[in-house]
Protein backbone atom coordinates (compact mmCIF):
# COMPACT_ATOMS: atom_id res chain seq x y z
CA UNK A 1 0.00 0.00 0.00
CA UNK A 2 1.39 3.42 -0.95
CA UNK A 3 1.88 6.26 1.54
CA UNK A 4 -0.70 8.30 -0.35
CA UNK A 5 -3.31 5.55 0.00
CA UNK A 6 -2.53 5.25 3.70
CA UNK A 7 -3.04 8.98 4.21
CA UNK A 8 -6.38 8.83 2.37
CA UNK A 9 -7.80 6.15 4.68
CA UNK A 10 -10.86 7.11 6.74
CA UNK A 11 -10.95 4.69 9.68
CA UNK A 12 -13.64 6.76 11.43
CA UNK A 13 -16.20 5.77 8.78
CA UNK A 14 -18.44 2.75 9.31
CA UNK A 15 -17.03 -0.56 8.08
CA UNK A 16 -18.99 -3.60 6.86
CA UNK A 17 -20.52 -5.46 9.79
CA UNK A 18 -18.19 -8.02 11.27
CA UNK A 19 -15.27 -6.87 9.16
CA UNK A 20 -11.99 -5.84 10.73
CA UNK A 21 -10.65 -2.76 8.86
CA UNK A 22 -7.18 -4.31 8.77
CA UNK A 23 -8.58 -7.19 6.73
CA UNK A 24 -9.64 -4.79 4.01
CA UNK A 25 -6.01 -4.03 3.20
CA UNK A 26 -4.47 -5.92 0.29
CA UNK A 27 -2.09 -8.73 1.11
CA UNK A 28 1.60 -7.93 1.04
CA UNK A 29 3.15 -8.71 -2.31
CA UNK A 30 6.79 -8.51 -1.27
CA UNK A 31 7.21 -11.87 0.39
CA UNK A 32 10.66 -12.81 1.72
CA UNK A 33 11.60 -15.00 -1.25
CA UNK A 34 11.08 -12.12 -3.67
CA UNK A 35 13.19 -9.80 -1.54
CA UNK A 36 15.92 -12.44 -1.36
CA UNK A 37 15.83 -12.82 -5.14
CA UNK A 38 16.20 -9.07 -5.60
CA UNK A 39 19.23 -9.00 -3.31
CA UNK A 40 20.70 -11.91 -5.26
CA UNK A 41 20.10 -10.21 -8.62
CA UNK A 42 21.67 -7.03 -7.28
CA UNK A 43 24.76 -9.02 -6.31
CA UNK A 44 24.93 -10.69 -9.73
CA UNK A 45 24.59 -7.29 -11.39
CA UNK A 46 27.56 -5.99 -9.42
CA UNK A 47 29.62 -9.02 -10.44
CA UNK A 48 28.90 -8.51 -14.14
CA UNK A 49 29.54 -4.77 -13.86
CA UNK A 50 32.92 -5.44 -12.29
CA UNK A 51 33.84 -7.83 -15.10
CA UNK A 52 32.71 -5.29 -17.70
CA UNK A 53 34.62 -2.47 -16.05
CA UNK A 54 37.81 -4.53 -15.94
CA UNK A 55 37.34 -5.38 -19.62
CA UNK A 56 36.94 -1.73 -20.56
CA UNK A 57 40.02 -0.83 -18.57
CA UNK A 58 41.99 -3.67 -20.17
CA UNK A 59 40.84 -2.57 -23.63
CA UNK A 60 43.06 0.49 -23.40
CA UNK A 61 46.22 -1.60 -23.51
CA UNK A 62 47.94 -2.29 -26.80
CA UNK A 63 47.44 -6.07 -26.86
CA UNK A 64 43.63 -5.80 -26.74
CA UNK A 65 42.05 -6.42 -30.15
CA UNK A 66 38.26 -6.30 -30.48
CA UNK A 67 36.50 -9.28 -32.05
CA UNK A 68 34.36 -7.15 -34.36
CA UNK A 69 34.71 -4.14 -36.65
CA UNK A 70 36.68 -5.62 -39.53
CA UNK A 71 35.47 -8.18 -42.12
CA UNK A 72 38.08 -10.75 -41.10
CA UNK A 73 37.13 -10.67 -37.41
CA UNK A 74 34.82 -13.44 -36.06
CA UNK A 75 32.03 -11.18 -34.82
CA UNK A 76 31.92 -8.67 -37.66
CA UNK A 77 28.67 -10.47 -38.62
CA UNK A 78 27.69 -12.48 -35.53
CA UNK A 79 24.94 -14.49 -37.21
CA UNK A 80 25.28 -17.44 -34.83
CA UNK A 81 25.07 -15.18 -31.79
CA UNK A 82 21.86 -13.68 -33.16
CA UNK A 83 20.45 -17.21 -33.44
CA UNK A 84 21.53 -17.88 -29.86
CA UNK A 85 19.80 -14.70 -28.74
CA UNK A 86 16.59 -15.85 -30.43
CA UNK A 87 16.78 -19.21 -28.65
CA UNK A 88 17.20 -17.55 -25.27
CA UNK A 89 14.34 -15.17 -26.04
CA UNK A 90 12.09 -18.16 -26.79
CA UNK A 91 13.05 -19.66 -23.43
CA UNK A 92 12.14 -16.44 -21.64
CA UNK A 93 8.82 -16.20 -23.51
CA UNK A 94 8.02 -19.83 -22.68
CA UNK A 95 8.55 -19.10 -18.98
CA UNK A 96 6.22 -16.11 -19.22
CA UNK A 97 3.56 -18.21 -20.93
CA UNK A 98 3.98 -20.88 -18.25
CA UNK A 99 3.41 -18.28 -15.55
CA UNK A 100 0.35 -16.91 -17.33
CA UNK A 101 -1.14 -20.42 -17.64
CA UNK A 102 -0.39 -21.24 -14.00
CA UNK A 103 -2.24 -18.11 -12.90
CA UNK A 104 -5.23 -19.40 -14.85
CA UNK A 105 -4.90 -22.72 -13.00
CA UNK A 106 -3.99 -24.56 -16.22
CA UNK A 107 -1.15 -26.46 -14.59
CA UNK A 108 -0.65 -29.15 -17.23
CA UNK A 109 -0.24 -26.59 -20.00
CA UNK A 110 1.95 -24.50 -17.70
CA UNK A 111 4.20 -27.50 -17.04
CA UNK A 112 4.59 -28.05 -20.77
CA UNK A 113 5.61 -24.41 -21.27
CA UNK A 114 8.16 -24.58 -18.45
CA UNK A 115 9.68 -27.78 -19.82
CA UNK A 116 9.86 -26.11 -23.23
CA UNK A 117 11.70 -23.19 -21.63
CA UNK A 118 14.23 -25.62 -20.15
CA UNK A 119 14.75 -27.24 -23.55
CA UNK A 120 15.33 -23.85 -25.14
CA UNK A 121 17.87 -22.82 -22.52
CA UNK A 122 19.71 -26.13 -22.90
CA UNK A 123 19.72 -25.47 -26.64
CA UNK A 124 21.19 -22.04 -25.95
CA UNK A 125 23.99 -23.62 -23.91
CA UNK A 126 24.82 -26.03 -26.73
CA UNK A 127 24.74 -23.18 -29.23
CA UNK A 128 27.15 -21.18 -27.07
CA UNK A 129 29.46 -24.17 -26.90
CA UNK A 130 29.36 -24.29 -30.70
CA UNK A 131 30.37 -20.60 -30.83
CA UNK A 132 33.29 -21.33 -28.52
CA UNK A 133 34.43 -24.15 -30.80
CA UNK A 134 34.15 -22.05 -33.95
CA UNK A 135 35.94 -19.16 -32.29
CA UNK A 136 38.83 -21.42 -31.26
CA UNK A 137 39.06 -22.94 -34.75
CA UNK A 138 39.26 -19.43 -36.22
CA UNK A 139 42.37 -18.80 -34.15
CA UNK A 140 40.75 -16.88 -31.28
CA UNK A 141 41.40 -19.16 -28.35
CA UNK A 142 41.15 -18.50 -24.64
CA UNK A 143 44.59 -16.90 -24.46
CA UNK A 144 44.89 -15.45 -27.97
CA UNK A 145 44.21 -11.91 -26.83
CA UNK A 146 42.40 -10.25 -23.90
CA UNK A 147 39.24 -9.63 -25.96
CA UNK A 148 38.74 -13.33 -26.68
CA UNK A 149 39.60 -14.18 -23.07
CA UNK A 150 36.86 -11.85 -21.84
CA UNK A 151 34.41 -13.35 -24.31
CA UNK A 152 34.96 -16.84 -22.90
CA UNK A 153 34.90 -15.54 -19.32
CA UNK A 154 31.74 -13.46 -19.54
CA UNK A 155 29.75 -16.01 -21.53
CA UNK A 156 30.88 -18.81 -19.19
CA UNK A 157 29.74 -16.84 -16.12
CA UNK A 158 26.41 -16.19 -17.84
CA UNK A 159 26.02 -19.88 -18.67
CA UNK A 160 26.80 -20.78 -15.05
CA UNK A 161 23.93 -18.60 -13.87
CA UNK A 162 21.62 -20.14 -16.46
CA UNK A 163 22.60 -23.60 -15.28
CA UNK A 164 21.83 -22.54 -11.72
CA UNK A 165 18.39 -21.46 -12.89
CA UNK A 166 17.79 -24.86 -14.49
CA UNK A 167 18.74 -26.57 -11.22
CA UNK A 168 16.37 -24.29 -9.32
CA UNK A 169 13.58 -25.24 -11.73
CA UNK A 170 13.99 -28.84 -10.58
CA UNK A 171 12.25 -28.04 -7.29
CA UNK A 172 9.50 -26.23 -9.17
CA UNK A 173 8.92 -29.21 -11.48
CA UNK A 174 8.55 -31.44 -8.43
CA UNK A 175 5.71 -29.24 -7.25
CA UNK A 176 4.00 -29.71 -10.60
CA UNK A 177 4.35 -33.49 -10.38
CA UNK A 178 3.15 -33.57 -6.76
CA UNK A 179 0.31 -31.15 -7.53
CA UNK A 180 1.08 -29.03 -4.48
CA UNK A 181 -1.42 -26.35 -5.45
CA UNK A 182 -1.50 -23.58 -7.99
CA UNK A 183 -0.74 -20.83 -5.43
CA UNK A 184 2.63 -22.32 -4.45
CA UNK A 185 3.46 -23.06 -8.07
CA UNK A 186 2.61 -19.51 -9.15
CA UNK A 187 4.75 -18.09 -6.35
CA UNK A 188 7.79 -20.17 -7.32
CA UNK A 189 7.24 -19.69 -11.04
CA UNK A 190 7.04 -15.92 -10.60
CA UNK A 191 10.52 -15.92 -9.09
CA UNK A 192 11.92 -18.23 -11.77
CA UNK A 193 10.41 -16.15 -14.56
CA UNK A 194 11.88 -12.97 -13.12
CA UNK A 195 15.28 -14.66 -13.01
CA UNK A 196 14.89 -15.86 -16.61
CA UNK A 197 14.03 -12.37 -17.88
CA UNK A 198 16.93 -10.93 -15.92
CA UNK A 199 19.44 -13.33 -17.49
CA UNK A 200 18.07 -12.54 -20.94
CA UNK A 201 18.65 -8.84 -20.24
CA UNK A 202 22.19 -9.58 -19.05
CA UNK A 203 22.83 -11.52 -22.26
CA UNK A 204 21.69 -8.56 -24.38
CA UNK A 205 24.21 -6.33 -22.60
CA UNK A 206 27.00 -8.88 -23.05
CA UNK A 207 26.07 -9.46 -26.68
CA UNK A 208 26.19 -5.74 -27.45
CA UNK A 209 29.50 -5.29 -25.64
CA UNK A 210 31.35 -8.36 -26.93
CA UNK A 211 30.43 -7.72 -30.55
CA UNK A 212 31.32 -4.00 -30.45
CA UNK A 213 34.05 -2.59 -32.65
CA UNK A 214 37.26 -1.19 -31.23
CA UNK A 215 35.97 2.36 -31.66
CA UNK A 216 32.80 1.65 -29.67
CA UNK A 217 34.74 -0.05 -26.89
CA UNK A 218 37.16 2.87 -26.72
CA UNK A 219 34.24 5.29 -26.45
CA UNK A 220 32.70 3.26 -23.61
CA UNK A 221 36.05 3.12 -21.87
CA UNK A 222 36.40 6.88 -22.16
CA UNK A 223 32.94 7.39 -20.64
CA UNK A 224 34.04 5.24 -17.70
CA UNK A 225 37.17 7.30 -17.22
CA UNK A 226 39.74 4.92 -18.70
């Protein structure tokens, strides 16, 4: 309840017979699990920001060569990464559809959507592994230059968080199988969906950064004071 709504209350007016005025207030929506998730996402955000800041600082040294910007560079036309982005987007959309169906108490259809989201995210992981292999075959290995090293590092950290989300979904899937009630499923699925959308947003930031040309990276580094 907002402060404005609280100030507009009129407790001196008559209430419905037998009704406690406190019961007329809406239930709290910020349950502890949601607050814990927000603290966790804030921590993850700081971790990624630190990695990005160190990359921008490292980019100002002479041995840093961006992976995009010239026709011969691997990410001048990152077609495969665009496909990977589409796969991860489908996973995020499937989670949202699963949540929407669970709220309508259509648990079987919701379970199907969640399992589809898991399949999409596993497909994304395999597609990222394929990018790693192609990048290494093109001569941009883990230690070839700092830019390629940061690509492997940042995408690996992102994949680790996605894998953690898949593990967390295991407990949610058990609730589907045990039919523990739509309310508990919706509560858990809301948290998982928020996490899925967050990781998709993180991927968009990483995608934009890692496929930037040297000029763009230099401009970002200058904005950050490097």
